[in-house]
Amino acid sequence: MVIINVKSVVYQALKAIPEIKQVSTTYPDNLTVFPIAVYNTAHKAYFRDANQQELQTEWTITIDLFLKEGSTTAITNKLMSSFGDMGFSSDVGDSNLAGVNRTVLRFTGVVDNTSHRVFES
């Protein structure tokens, strides 16, 4: 059984939002391009069959969104809509870091590796 590569789905979803100017899996040394989305993913087996095939995988997606000026609300709403449409549930928090607005979005869900559907864990 092949585990669905959610990391590539996240990248495509972030690149589909034209307001986001940079997408990365690592934090840059200097924040110079805004808005920037830094993301990471983690997964673990949720359900295995009798042959130890991983039929369902629990995924956690974390996105740090940085914006120099203004509000991250519009982009946050687009991300929540996009991942919500896929079936992921979300948690959102924010903080300001030395003049940079930061929003942390965390999406969770279980991906069925057979049907390619997402449901909440």
PDB file of N, CA and C in Angstrom:
ATOM      1  N   MET A   1       0.842  -1.176   0.000  1.00  0.00           N
ATOM      2  CA  MET A   1       0.000   0.000   0.000  1.00  0.00           C
ATOM      3  C   MET A   1       0.886   1.238   0.000  1.00  0.00           C
ATOM      4  N   VAL A   2       0.620   2.152  -0.884  1.00  0.00           N
ATOM      5  CA  VAL A   2       1.372   3.395  -0.976  1.00  0.00           C
ATOM      6  C   VAL A   2       0.675   4.460  -0.137  1.00  0.00           C
ATOM      7  N   ILE A   3       1.441   5.110   0.716  1.00  0.00           N
ATOM      8  CA  ILE A   3       0.908   6.196   1.537  1.00  0.00           C
ATOM      9  C   ILE A   3       0.790   7.439   0.657  1.00  0.00           C
ATOM     10  N   ILE A   4      -0.372   8.099   0.722  1.00  0.00           N
ATOM     11  CA  ILE A   4      -0.589   9.318  -0.042  1.00  0.00           C
ATOM     12  C   ILE A   4       0.435  10.367   0.399  1.00  0.00           C
ATOM     13  N   ASN A   5       1.066  11.034  -0.574  1.00  0.00           N
ATOM     14  CA  ASN A   5       2.066  12.052  -0.276  1.00  0.00           C
ATOM     15  C   ASN A   5       1.373  13.392  -0.034  1.00  0.00           C
ATOM     16  N   VAL A   6       0.970  13.624   1.204  1.00  0.00           N
ATOM     17  CA  VAL A   6       0.260  14.851   1.564  1.00  0.00           C
ATOM     18  C   VAL A   6       1.175  16.063   1.465  1.00  0.00           C
ATOM     19  N   LYS A   7       2.465  15.872   1.643  1.00  0.00           N
ATOM     20  CA  LYS A   7       3.405  16.992   1.566  1.00  0.00           C
ATOM     21  C   LYS A   7       3.317  17.686   0.211  1.00  0.00           C
ATOM     22  N   SER A   8       3.196  16.935  -0.863  1.00  0.00           N
ATOM     23  CA  SER A   8       3.076  17.553  -2.190  1.00  0.00           C
ATOM     24  C   SER A   8       1.730  18.247  -2.352  1.00  0.00           C
ATOM     25  N   VAL A   9       0.691  17.716  -1.722  1.00  0.00           N
ATOM     26  CA  VAL A   9      -0.628  18.353  -1.756  1.00  0.00           C
ATOM     27  C   VAL A   9      -0.571  19.702  -1.044  1.00  0.00           C
ATOM     28  N   VAL A  10       0.132  19.756   0.091  1.00  0.00           N
ATOM     29  CA  VAL A  10       0.283  21.003   0.839  1.00  0.00           C
ATOM     30  C   VAL A  10       1.006  22.035  -0.018  1.00  0.00           C
ATOM     31  N   TYR A  11       2.097  21.633  -0.639  1.00  0.00           N
ATOM     32  CA  TYR A  11       2.862  22.549  -1.479  1.00  0.00           C
ATOM     33  C   TYR A  11       1.987  23.114  -2.602  1.00  0.00           C
ATOM     34  N   GLN A  12       1.247  22.266  -3.269  1.00  0.00           N
ATOM     35  CA  GLN A  12       0.374  22.713  -4.350  1.00  0.00           C
ATOM     36  C   GLN A  12      -0.703  23.663  -3.847  1.00  0.00           C
ATOM     37  N   ALA A  13      -1.267  23.380  -2.680  1.00  0.00           N
ATOM     38  CA  ALA A  13      -2.309  24.245  -2.105  1.00  0.00           C
ATOM     39  C   ALA A  13      -1.740  25.618  -1.752  1.00  0.00           C
ATOM     40  N   LEU A  14      -0.529  25.656  -1.216  1.00  0.00           N
ATOM     41  CA  LEU A  14       0.099  26.933  -0.882  1.00  0.00           C
ATOM     42  C   LEU A  14       0.450  27.732  -2.143  1.00  0.00           C
ATOM     43  N   LYS A  15       0.970  27.058  -3.153  1.00  0.00           N
ATOM     44  CA  LYS A  15       1.334  27.735  -4.402  1.00  0.00           C
ATOM     45  C   LYS A  15       0.103  28.240  -5.153  1.00  0.00           C
ATOM     46  N   ALA A  16      -1.056  27.663  -4.879  1.00  0.00           N
ATOM     47  CA  ALA A  16      -2.292  28.066  -5.553  1.00  0.00           C
ATOM     48  C   ALA A  16      -2.839  29.397  -5.022  1.00  0.00           C
ATOM     49  N   ILE A  17      -2.284  29.886  -3.929  1.00  0.00           N
ATOM     50  CA  ILE A  17      -2.728  31.166  -3.362  1.00  0.00           C
ATOM     51  C   ILE A  17      -1.744  32.242  -3.822  1.00  0.00           C
ATOM     52  N   PRO A  18      -2.165  33.085  -4.765  1.00  0.00           N
ATOM     53  CA  PRO A  18      -1.228  34.035  -5.371  1.00  0.00           C
ATOM     54  C   PRO A  18      -0.661  35.072  -4.404  1.00  0.00           C
ATOM     55  N   GLU A  19      -1.345  35.335  -3.304  1.00  0.00           N
ATOM     56  CA  GLU A  19      -0.839  36.316  -2.334  1.00  0.00           C
ATOM     57  C   GLU A  19       0.434  35.835  -1.643  1.00  0.00           C
ATOM     58  N   ILE A  20       0.622  34.529  -1.541  1.00  0.00           N
ATOM     59  CA  ILE A  20       1.813  33.980  -0.888  1.00  0.00           C
ATOM     60  C   ILE A  20       2.968  34.044  -1.877  1.00  0.00           C
ATOM     61  N   LYS A  21       3.976  34.830  -1.521  1.00  0.00           N
ATOM     62  CA  LYS A  21       5.104  35.077  -2.435  1.00  0.00           C
ATOM     63  C   LYS A  21       6.227  34.053  -2.322  1.00  0.00           C
ATOM     64  N   GLN A  22       6.320  33.367  -1.180  1.00  0.00           N
ATOM     65  CA  GLN A  22       7.372  32.363  -1.008  1.00  0.00           C
ATOM     66  C   GLN A  22       6.823  31.205  -0.192  1.00  0.00           C
ATOM     67  N   VAL A  23       7.127  29.989  -0.634  1.00  0.00           N
ATOM     68  CA  VAL A  23       6.731  28.760   0.058  1.00  0.00           C
ATOM     69  C   VAL A  23       8.001  27.966   0.329  1.00  0.00           C
ATOM     70  N   SER A  24       8.143  27.501   1.575  1.00  0.00           N
ATOM     71  CA  SER A  24       9.366  26.797   1.938  1.00  0.00           C
ATOM     72  C   SER A  24       9.082  25.766   3.024  1.00  0.00           C
ATOM     73  N   THR A  25       9.963  24.783   3.113  1.00  0.00           N
ATOM     74  CA  THR A  25       9.896  23.802   4.200  1.00  0.00           C
ATOM     75  C   THR A  25      10.890  24.137   5.305  1.00  0.00           C
ATOM     76  N   THR A  26      11.707  25.168   5.095  1.00  0.00           N
ATOM     77  CA  THR A  26      12.680  25.589   6.102  1.00  0.00           C
ATOM     78  C   THR A  26      12.565  27.095   6.325  1.00  0.00           C
ATOM     79  N   TYR A  27      12.913  27.520   7.515  1.00  0.00           N
ATOM     80  CA  TYR A  27      12.887  28.937   7.834  1.00  0.00           C
ATOM     81  C   TYR A  27      14.094  29.616   7.190  1.00  0.00           C
ATOM     82  N   PRO A  28      13.853  30.709   6.478  1.00  0.00           N
ATOM     83  CA  PRO A  28      14.987  31.411   5.862  1.00  0.00           C
ATOM     84  C   PRO A  28      15.824  32.120   6.929  1.00  0.00           C
ATOM     85  N   ASP A  29      17.099  32.369   6.602  1.00  0.00           N
ATOM     86  CA  ASP A  29      17.968  33.090   7.532  1.00  0.00           C
ATOM     87  C   ASP A  29      17.449  34.499   7.795  1.00  0.00           C
ATOM     88  N   ASN A  30      16.915  35.118   6.739  1.00  0.00           N
ATOM     89  CA  ASN A  30      16.359  36.460   6.849  1.00  0.00           C
ATOM     90  C   ASN A  30      14.979  36.477   6.211  1.00  0.00           C
ATOM     91  N   LEU A  31      14.030  37.059   6.909  1.00  0.00           N
ATOM     92  CA  LEU A  31      12.697  37.209   6.339  1.00  0.00           C
ATOM     93  C   LEU A  31      12.695  38.489   5.498  1.00  0.00           C
ATOM     94  N   THR A  32      12.779  38.309   4.187  1.00  0.00           N
ATOM     95  CA  THR A  32      12.837  39.475   3.300  1.00  0.00           C
ATOM     96  C   THR A  32      11.698  39.498   2.289  1.00  0.00           C
ATOM     97  N   VAL A  33      11.111  38.359   1.991  1.00  0.00           N
ATOM     98  CA  VAL A  33      10.005  38.263   1.038  1.00  0.00           C
ATOM     99  C   VAL A  33       8.736  37.961   1.828  1.00  0.00           C
ATOM    100  N   PHE A  34       7.703  38.770   1.604  1.00  0.00           N
ATOM    101  CA  PHE A  34       6.440  38.586   2.328  1.00  0.00           C
ATOM    102  C   PHE A  34       5.277  38.607   1.360  1.00  0.00           C
ATOM    103  N   PRO A  35       4.215  37.909   1.669  1.00  0.00           N
ATOM    104  CA  PRO A  35       4.073  36.915   2.722  1.00  0.00           C
ATOM    105  C   PRO A  35       4.828  35.631   2.385  1.00  0.00           C
ATOM    106  N   ILE A  36       5.271  34.958   3.415  1.00  0.00           N
ATOM    107  CA  ILE A  36       5.964  33.674   3.269  1.00  0.00           C
ATOM    108  C   ILE A  36       5.217  32.622   4.083  1.00  0.00           C
ATOM    109  N   ALA A  37       5.136  31.432   3.527  1.00  0.00           N
ATOM    110  CA  ALA A  37       4.538  30.294   4.224  1.00  0.00           C
ATOM    111  C   ALA A  37       5.615  29.226   4.395  1.00  0.00           C
ATOM    112  N   VAL A  38       5.877  28.860   5.647  1.00  0.00           N
ATOM    113  CA  VAL A  38       6.822  27.794   5.964  1.00  0.00           C
ATOM    114  C   VAL A  38       5.992  26.639   6.514  1.00  0.00           C
ATOM    115  N   TYR A  39       6.134  25.461   5.904  1.00  0.00           N
ATOM    116  CA  TYR A  39       5.283  24.347   6.302  1.00  0.00           C
ATOM    117  C   TYR A  39       6.080  23.093   6.617  1.00  0.00           C
ATOM    118  N   ASN A  40       5.468  22.245   7.418  1.00  0.00           N
ATOM    119  CA  ASN A  40       6.015  20.908   7.645  1.00  0.00           C
ATOM    120  C   ASN A  40       4.852  19.952   7.852  1.00  0.00           C
ATOM    121  N   THR A  41       5.139  18.697   7.650  1.00  0.00           N
ATOM    122  CA  THR A  41       4.127  17.658   7.800  1.00  0.00           C
ATOM    123  C   THR A  41       4.674  16.539   8.675  1.00  0.00           C
ATOM    124  N   ALA A  42       3.760  15.860   9.343  1.00  0.00           N
ATOM    125  CA  ALA A  42       4.116  14.672  10.124  1.00  0.00           C
ATOM    126  C   ALA A  42       2.987  13.669   9.952  1.00  0.00           C
ATOM    127  N   HIS A  43       3.338  12.398   9.948  1.00  0.00           N
ATOM    128  CA  HIS A  43       2.307  11.374   9.803  1.00  0.00           C
ATOM    129  C   HIS A  43       2.658  10.134  10.607  1.00  0.00           C
ATOM    130  N   LYS A  44       1.596   9.401  10.931  1.00  0.00           N
ATOM    131  CA  LYS A  44       1.781   8.120  11.609  1.00  0.00           C
ATOM    132  C   LYS A  44       0.645   7.203  11.186  1.00  0.00           C
ATOM    133  N   ALA A  45       0.911   5.929  11.286  1.00  0.00           N
ATOM    134  CA  ALA A  45      -0.095   4.946  10.902  1.00  0.00           C
ATOM    135  C   ALA A  45      -1.323   5.088  11.794  1.00  0.00           C
ATOM    136  N   TYR A  46      -2.482   5.069  11.182  1.00  0.00           N
ATOM    137  CA  TYR A  46      -3.734   5.158  11.919  1.00  0.00           C
ATOM    138  C   TYR A  46      -4.443   3.803  11.935  1.00  0.00           C
ATOM    139  N   PHE A  47      -4.384   3.089  10.788  1.00  0.00           N
ATOM    140  CA  PHE A  47      -4.998   1.764  10.710  1.00  0.00           C
ATOM    141  C   PHE A  47      -4.208   0.892   9.744  1.00  0.00           C
ATOM    142  N   ARG A  48      -3.872  -0.305  10.202  1.00  0.00           N
ATOM    143  CA  ARG A  48      -3.194  -1.300   9.366  1.00  0.00           C
ATOM    144  C   ARG A  48      -4.094  -2.527   9.264  1.00  0.00           C
ATOM    145  N   ASP A  49      -4.043  -3.172   8.120  1.00  0.00           N
ATOM    146  CA  ASP A  49      -4.837  -4.392   7.959  1.00  0.00           C
ATOM    147  C   ASP A  49      -4.063  -5.594   8.513  1.00  0.00           C
ATOM    148  N   ALA A  50      -4.597  -6.781   8.345  1.00  0.00           N
ATOM    149  CA  ALA A  50      -3.982  -7.998   8.880  1.00  0.00           C
ATOM    150  C   ALA A  50      -2.612  -8.277   8.270  1.00  0.00           C
ATOM    151  N   ASN A  51      -2.369  -7.733   7.069  1.00  0.00           N
ATOM    152  CA  ASN A  51      -1.078  -7.910   6.407  1.00  0.00           C
ATOM    153  C   ASN A  51      -0.117  -6.759   6.699  1.00  0.00           C
ATOM    154  N   GLN A  52      -0.478  -5.935   7.672  1.00  0.00           N
ATOM    155  CA  GLN A  52       0.318  -4.777   8.081  1.00  0.00           C
ATOM    156  C   GLN A  52       0.443  -3.702   6.990  1.00  0.00           C
ATOM    157  N   GLN A  53      -0.512  -3.678   6.094  1.00  0.00           N
ATOM    158  CA  GLN A  53      -0.576  -2.623   5.094  1.00  0.00           C
ATOM    159  C   GLN A  53      -1.226  -1.402   5.734  1.00  0.00           C
ATOM    160  N   GLU A  54      -0.599  -0.255   5.595  1.00  0.00           N
ATOM    161  CA  GLU A  54      -1.120   0.970   6.199  1.00  0.00           C
ATOM    162  C   GLU A  54      -2.256   1.516   5.334  1.00  0.00           C
ATOM    163  N   LEU A  55      -3.481   1.227   5.741  1.00  0.00           N
ATOM    164  CA  LEU A  55      -4.641   1.649   4.966  1.00  0.00           C
ATOM    165  C   LEU A  55      -5.039   3.082   5.254  1.00  0.00           C
ATOM    166  N   GLN A  56      -4.782   3.540   6.475  1.00  0.00           N
ATOM    167  CA  GLN A  56      -5.119   4.910   6.847  1.00  0.00           C
ATOM    168  C   GLN A  56      -3.946   5.532   7.596  1.00  0.00           C
ATOM    169  N   THR A  57      -3.681   6.798   7.267  1.00  0.00           N
ATOM    170  CA  THR A  57      -2.555   7.515   7.851  1.00  0.00           C
ATOM    171  C   THR A  57      -3.040   8.817   8.461  1.00  0.00           C
ATOM    172  N   GLU A  58      -2.639   9.061   9.705  1.00  0.00           N
ATOM    173  CA  GLU A  58      -2.988  10.326  10.357  1.00  0.00           C
ATOM    174  C   GLU A  58      -1.918  11.368  10.033  1.00  0.00           C
ATOM    175  N   TRP A  59      -2.358  12.512   9.514  1.00  0.00           N
ATOM    176  CA  TRP A  59      -1.450  13.583   9.100  1.00  0.00           C
ATOM    177  C   TRP A  59      -1.668  14.830   9.935  1.00  0.00           C
ATOM    178  N   THR A  60      -0.562  15.511  10.245  1.00  0.00           N
ATOM    179  CA  THR A  60      -0.593  16.835  10.846  1.00  0.00           C
ATOM    180  C   THR A  60       0.222  17.755   9.945  1.00  0.00           C
ATOM    181  N   ILE A  61      -0.400  18.850   9.552  1.00  0.00           N
ATOM    182  CA  ILE A  61       0.229  19.843   8.682  1.00  0.00           C
ATOM    183  C   ILE A  61       0.335  21.131   9.484  1.00  0.00           C
ATOM    184  N   THR A  62       1.522  21.696   9.574  1.00  0.00           N
ATOM    185  CA  THR A  62       1.720  22.960  10.270  1.00  0.00           C
ATOM    186  C   THR A  62       2.241  23.982   9.269  1.00  0.00           C
ATOM    187  N   ILE A  63       1.573  25.133   9.237  1.00  0.00           N
ATOM    188  CA  ILE A  63       1.969  26.216   8.338  1.00  0.00           C
ATOM    189  C   ILE A  63       2.176  27.472   9.173  1.00  0.00           C
ATOM    190  N   ASP A  64       3.380  28.036   9.078  1.00  0.00           N
ATOM    191  CA  ASP A  64       3.668  29.340   9.679  1.00  0.00           C
ATOM    192  C   ASP A  64       3.580  30.369   8.560  1.00  0.00           C
ATOM    193  N   LEU A  65       2.689  31.317   8.734  1.00  0.00           N
ATOM    194  CA  LEU A  65       2.469  32.353   7.739  1.00  0.00           C
ATOM    195  C   LEU A  65       3.012  33.664   8.295  1.00  0.00           C
ATOM    196  N   PHE A  66       3.927  34.303   7.563  1.00  0.00           N
ATOM    197  CA  PHE A  66       4.549  35.547   7.999  1.00  0.00           C
ATOM    198  C   PHE A  66       4.182  36.667   7.031  1.00  0.00           C
ATOM    199  N   LEU A  67       3.843  37.833   7.613  1.00  0.00           N
ATOM    200  CA  LEU A  67       3.472  39.001   6.823  1.00  0.00           C
ATOM    201  C   LEU A  67       4.078  40.223   7.500  1.00  0.00           C
ATOM    202  N   LYS A  68       4.729  41.073   6.732  1.00  0.00           N
ATOM    203  CA  LYS A  68       5.408  42.249   7.300  1.00  0.00           C
ATOM    204  C   LYS A  68       4.406  43.289   7.788  1.00  0.00           C
ATOM    205  N   GLU A  69       3.435  43.623   6.949  1.00  0.00           N
ATOM    206  CA  GLU A  69       2.455  44.649   7.301  1.00  0.00           C
ATOM    207  C   GLU A  69       1.063  44.144   6.977  1.00  0.00           C
ATOM    208  N   GLY A  70       0.110  44.563   7.785  1.00  0.00           N
ATOM    209  CA  GLY A  70      -1.265  44.187   7.516  1.00  0.00           C
ATOM    210  C   GLY A  70      -1.660  42.917   8.237  1.00  0.00           C
ATOM    211  N   SER A  71      -2.804  42.417   7.844  1.00  0.00           N
ATOM    212  CA  SER A  71      -3.399  41.259   8.500  1.00  0.00           C
ATOM    213  C   SER A  71      -3.223  39.994   7.659  1.00  0.00           C
ATOM    214  N   THR A  72      -3.054  38.895   8.341  1.00  0.00           N
ATOM    215  CA  THR A  72      -2.953  37.600   7.660  1.00  0.00           C
ATOM    216  C   THR A  72      -4.324  36.948   7.468  1.00  0.00           C
ATOM    217  N   THR A  73      -5.386  37.631   7.871  1.00  0.00           N
ATOM    218  CA  THR A  73      -6.719  37.039   7.886  1.00  0.00           C
ATOM    219  C   THR A  73      -7.176  36.530   6.526  1.00  0.00           C
ATOM    220  N   ALA A  74      -7.001  37.305   5.479  1.00  0.00           N
ATOM    221  CA  ALA A  74      -7.478  36.897   4.154  1.00  0.00           C
ATOM    222  C   ALA A  74      -6.792  35.605   3.688  1.00  0.00           C
ATOM    223  N   ILE A  75      -5.472  35.547   3.860  1.00  0.00           N
ATOM    224  CA  ILE A  75      -4.735  34.345   3.450  1.00  0.00           C
ATOM    225  C   ILE A  75      -5.104  33.175   4.358  1.00  0.00           C
ATOM    226  N   THR A  76      -5.209  33.430   5.656  1.00  0.00           N
ATOM    227  CA  THR A  76      -5.602  32.384   6.610  1.00  0.00           C
ATOM    228  C   THR A  76      -6.947  31.785   6.238  1.00  0.00           C
ATOM    229  N   ASN A  77      -7.904  32.645   5.892  1.00  0.00           N
ATOM    230  CA  ASN A  77      -9.230  32.157   5.498  1.00  0.00           C
ATOM    231  C   ASN A  77      -9.165  31.302   4.239  1.00  0.00           C
ATOM    232  N   LYS A  78      -8.330  31.686   3.279  1.00  0.00           N
ATOM    233  CA  LYS A  78      -8.178  30.882   2.055  1.00  0.00           C
ATOM    234  C   LYS A  78      -7.575  29.521   2.379  1.00  0.00           C
ATOM    235  N   LEU A  79      -6.574  29.500   3.257  1.00  0.00           N
ATOM    236  CA  LEU A  79      -5.956  28.225   3.634  1.00  0.00           C
ATOM    237  C   LEU A  79      -6.941  27.341   4.390  1.00  0.00           C
ATOM    238  N   MET A  80      -7.685  27.921   5.316  1.00  0.00           N
ATOM    239  CA  MET A  80      -8.665  27.140   6.067  1.00  0.00           C
ATOM    240  C   MET A  80      -9.742  26.584   5.138  1.00  0.00           C
ATOM    241  N   SER A  81     -10.149  27.367   4.167  1.00  0.00           N
ATOM    242  CA  SER A  81     -11.149  26.901   3.201  1.00  0.00           C
ATOM    243  C   SER A  81     -10.584  25.768   2.344  1.00  0.00           C
ATOM    244  N   SER A  82      -9.368  25.958   1.847  1.00  0.00           N
ATOM    245  CA  SER A  82      -8.744  24.959   0.973  1.00  0.00           C
ATOM    246  C   SER A  82      -8.564  23.620   1.691  1.00  0.00           C
ATOM    247  N   PHE A  83      -7.967  23.649   2.881  1.00  0.00           N
ATOM    248  CA  PHE A  83      -7.727  22.403   3.609  1.00  0.00           C
ATOM    249  C   PHE A  83      -9.014  21.845   4.197  1.00  0.00           C
ATOM    250  N   GLY A  84      -9.944  22.724   4.564  1.00  0.00           N
ATOM    251  CA  GLY A  84     -11.246  22.275   5.039  1.00  0.00           C
ATOM    252  C   GLY A  84     -12.006  21.538   3.952  1.00  0.00           C
ATOM    253  N   ASP A  85     -11.924  22.043   2.719  1.00  0.00           N
ATOM    254  CA  ASP A  85     -12.568  21.376   1.588  1.00  0.00           C
ATOM    255  C   ASP A  85     -11.998  19.977   1.355  1.00  0.00           C
ATOM    256  N   MET A  86     -10.724  19.796   1.701  1.00  0.00           N
ATOM    257  CA  MET A  86     -10.095  18.482   1.563  1.00  0.00           C
ATOM    258  C   MET A  86     -10.526  17.535   2.675  1.00  0.00           C
ATOM    259  N   GLY A  87     -11.027  18.086   3.796  1.00  0.00           N
ATOM    260  CA  GLY A  87     -11.475  17.257   4.914  1.00  0.00           C
ATOM    261  C   GLY A  87     -10.661  17.409   6.181  1.00  0.00           C
ATOM    262  N   PHE A  88      -9.663  18.285   6.177  1.00  0.00           N
ATOM    263  CA  PHE A  88      -8.829  18.480   7.358  1.00  0.00           C
ATOM    264  C   PHE A  88      -9.498  19.443   8.334  1.00  0.00           C
ATOM    265  N   SER A  89      -9.331  19.192   9.627  1.00  0.00           N
ATOM    266  CA  SER A  89      -9.783  20.134  10.645  1.00  0.00           C
ATOM    267  C   SER A  89      -8.631  21.085  10.959  1.00  0.00           C
ATOM    268  N   SER A  90      -8.948  22.246  11.551  1.00  0.00           N
ATOM    269  CA  SER A  90      -7.899  23.248  11.725  1.00  0.00           C
ATOM    270  C   SER A  90      -7.890  23.853  13.119  1.00  0.00           C
ATOM    271  N   ASP A  91      -6.699  24.302  13.508  1.00  0.00           N
ATOM    272  CA  ASP A  91      -6.454  25.114  14.697  1.00  0.00           C
ATOM    273  C   ASP A  91      -5.597  26.282  14.233  1.00  0.00           C
ATOM    274  N   VAL A  92      -5.889  27.482  14.739  1.00  0.00           N
ATOM    275  CA  VAL A  92      -5.156  28.671  14.320  1.00  0.00           C
ATOM    276  C   VAL A  92      -4.752  29.475  15.544  1.00  0.00           C
ATOM    277  N   GLY A  93      -3.524  29.993  15.519  1.00  0.00           N
ATOM    278  CA  GLY A  93      -3.033  30.890  16.559  1.00  0.00           C
ATOM    279  C   GLY A  93      -2.169  31.948  15.906  1.00  0.00           C
ATOM    280  N   ASP A  94      -1.936  33.040  16.608  1.00  0.00           N
ATOM    281  CA  ASP A  94      -1.090  34.076  16.013  1.00  0.00           C
ATOM    282  C   ASP A  94      -0.229  34.740  17.068  1.00  0.00           C
ATOM    283  N   SER A  95       0.805  35.437  16.587  1.00  0.00           N
ATOM    284  CA  SER A  95       1.691  36.213  17.453  1.00  0.00           C
ATOM    285  C   SER A  95       2.451  37.198  16.576  1.00  0.00           C
ATOM    286  N   ASN A  96       2.933  38.244  17.205  1.00  0.00           N
ATOM    287  CA  ASN A  96       3.740  39.227  16.487  1.00  0.00           C
ATOM    288  C   ASN A  96       5.187  39.063  16.912  1.00  0.00           C
ATOM    289  N   LEU A  97       6.075  39.039  15.936  1.00  0.00           N
ATOM    290  CA  LEU A  97       7.496  38.840  16.197  1.00  0.00           C
ATOM    291  C   LEU A  97       8.275  40.035  15.658  1.00  0.00           C
ATOM    292  N   ALA A  98       8.679  40.939  16.497  1.00  0.00           N
ATOM    293  CA  ALA A  98       9.531  42.068  16.116  1.00  0.00           C
ATOM    294  C   ALA A  98       9.054  42.736  14.832  1.00  0.00           C
ATOM    295  N   GLY A  99       7.791  43.101  14.795  1.00  0.00           N
ATOM    296  CA  GLY A  99       7.264  43.814  13.642  1.00  0.00           C
ATOM    297  C   GLY A  99       6.782  42.936  12.510  1.00  0.00           C
ATOM    298  N   VAL A 100       6.810  41.642  12.685  1.00  0.00           N
ATOM    299  CA  VAL A 100       6.332  40.710  11.661  1.00  0.00           C
ATOM    300  C   VAL A 100       5.110  39.980  12.227  1.00  0.00           C
ATOM    301  N   ASN A 101       4.029  39.997  11.479  1.00  0.00           N
ATOM    302  CA  ASN A 101       2.834  39.267  11.894  1.00  0.00           C
ATOM    303  C   ASN A 101       2.998  37.796  11.544  1.00  0.00           C
ATOM    304  N   ARG A 102       2.680  36.926  12.494  1.00  0.00           N
ATOM    305  CA  ARG A 102       2.827  35.479  12.294  1.00  0.00           C
ATOM    306  C   ARG A 102       1.528  34.791  12.674  1.00  0.00           C
ATOM    307  N   THR A 103       1.064  33.925  11.801  1.00  0.00           N
ATOM    308  CA  THR A 103      -0.089  33.087  12.088  1.00  0.00           C
ATOM    309  C   THR A 103       0.347  31.635  11.937  1.00  0.00           C
ATOM    310  N   VAL A 104      -0.006  30.810  12.916  1.00  0.00           N
ATOM    311  CA  VAL A 104       0.322  29.389  12.875  1.00  0.00           C
ATOM    312  C   VAL A 104      -0.970  28.625  12.641  1.00  0.00           C
ATOM    313  N   LEU A 105      -0.999  27.869  11.562  1.00  0.00           N
ATOM    314  CA  LEU A 105      -2.161  27.050  11.229  1.00  0.00           C
ATOM    315  C   LEU A 105      -1.769  25.591  11.341  1.00  0.00           C
ATOM    316  N   ARG A 106      -2.606  24.814  11.997  1.00  0.00           N
ATOM    317  CA  ARG A 106      -2.352  23.376  12.089  1.00  0.00           C
ATOM    318  C   ARG A 106      -3.599  22.646  11.592  1.00  0.00           C
ATOM    319  N   PHE A 107      -3.383  21.761  10.629  1.00  0.00           N
ATOM    320  CA  PHE A 107      -4.464  20.979  10.045  1.00  0.00           C
ATOM    321  C   PHE A 107      -4.219  19.515  10.362  1.00  0.00           C
ATOM    322  N   THR A 108      -5.275  18.810  10.748  1.00  0.00           N
ATOM    323  CA  THR A 108      -5.155  17.398  11.072  1.00  0.00           C
ATOM    324  C   THR A 108      -6.267  16.619  10.377  1.00  0.00           C
ATOM    325  N   GLY A 109      -5.936  15.395  10.035  1.00  0.00           N
ATOM    326  CA  GLY A 109      -6.920  14.516   9.442  1.00  0.00           C
ATOM    327  C   GLY A 109      -6.326  13.154   9.164  1.00  0.00           C
ATOM    328  N   VAL A 110      -7.200  12.211   8.914  1.00  0.00           N
ATOM    329  CA  VAL A 110      -6.786  10.854   8.570  1.00  0.00           C
ATOM    330  C   VAL A 110      -7.050  10.648   7.083  1.00  0.00           C
ATOM    331  N   VAL A 111      -6.021  10.239   6.375  1.00  0.00           N
ATOM    332  CA  VAL A 111      -6.130  10.004   4.936  1.00  0.00           C
ATOM    333  C   VAL A 111      -6.294   8.510   4.703  1.00  0.00           C
ATOM    334  N   ASP A 112      -7.349   8.161   3.987  1.00  0.00           N
ATOM    335  CA  ASP A 112      -7.558   6.775   3.576  1.00  0.00           C
ATOM    336  C   ASP A 112      -6.712   6.563   2.323  1.00  0.00           C
ATOM    337  N   ASN A 113      -5.711   5.711   2.412  1.00  0.00           N
ATOM    338  CA  ASN A 113      -4.770   5.514   1.311  1.00  0.00           C
ATOM    339  C   ASN A 113      -5.363   4.727   0.155  1.00  0.00           C
ATOM    340  N   THR A 114      -6.533   4.162   0.349  1.00  0.00           N
ATOM    341  CA  THR A 114      -7.206   3.432  -0.722  1.00  0.00           C
ATOM    342  C   THR A 114      -8.171   4.338  -1.482  1.00  0.00           C
ATOM    343  N   SER A 115      -9.039   5.037  -0.745  1.00  0.00           N
ATOM    344  CA  SER A 115     -10.056   5.877  -1.390  1.00  0.00           C
ATOM    345  C   SER A 115      -9.593   7.314  -1.609  1.00  0.00           C
ATOM    346  N   HIS A 116      -8.450   7.684  -1.015  1.00  0.00           N
ATOM    347  CA  HIS A 116      -7.883   9.034  -1.109  1.00  0.00           C
ATOM    348  C   HIS A 116      -8.798  10.080  -0.484  1.00  0.00           C
ATOM    349  N   ARG A 117      -9.563   9.685   0.515  1.00  0.00           N
ATOM    350  CA  ARG A 117     -10.442  10.611   1.221  1.00  0.00           C
ATOM    351  C   ARG A 117      -9.831  10.959   2.573  1.00  0.00           C
ATOM    352  N   VAL A 118     -10.213  12.124   3.081  1.00  0.00           N
ATOM    353  CA  VAL A 118      -9.730  12.600   4.369  1.00  0.00           C
ATOM    354  C   VAL A 118     -10.901  12.675   5.330  1.00  0.00           C
ATOM    355  N   PHE A 119     -10.668  12.226   6.559  1.00  0.00           N
ATOM    356  CA  PHE A 119     -11.681  12.405   7.593  1.00  0.00           C
ATOM    357  C   PHE A 119     -10.991  12.804   8.878  1.00  0.00           C
ATOM    358  N   GLU A 120     -11.734  13.429   9.775  1.00  0.00           N
ATOM    359  CA  GLU A 120     -11.175  13.888  11.037  1.00  0.00           C
ATOM    360  C   GLU A 120     -10.897  12.716  11.953  1.00  0.00           C
ATOM    361  N   SER A 121      -9.791  12.826  12.669  1.00  0.00           N
ATOM    362  CA  SER A 121      -9.406  11.760  13.595  1.00  0.00           C
ATOM    363  C   SER A 121     -10.080  11.928  14.927  1.00  0.00           C
TER     364      SER A 121
END
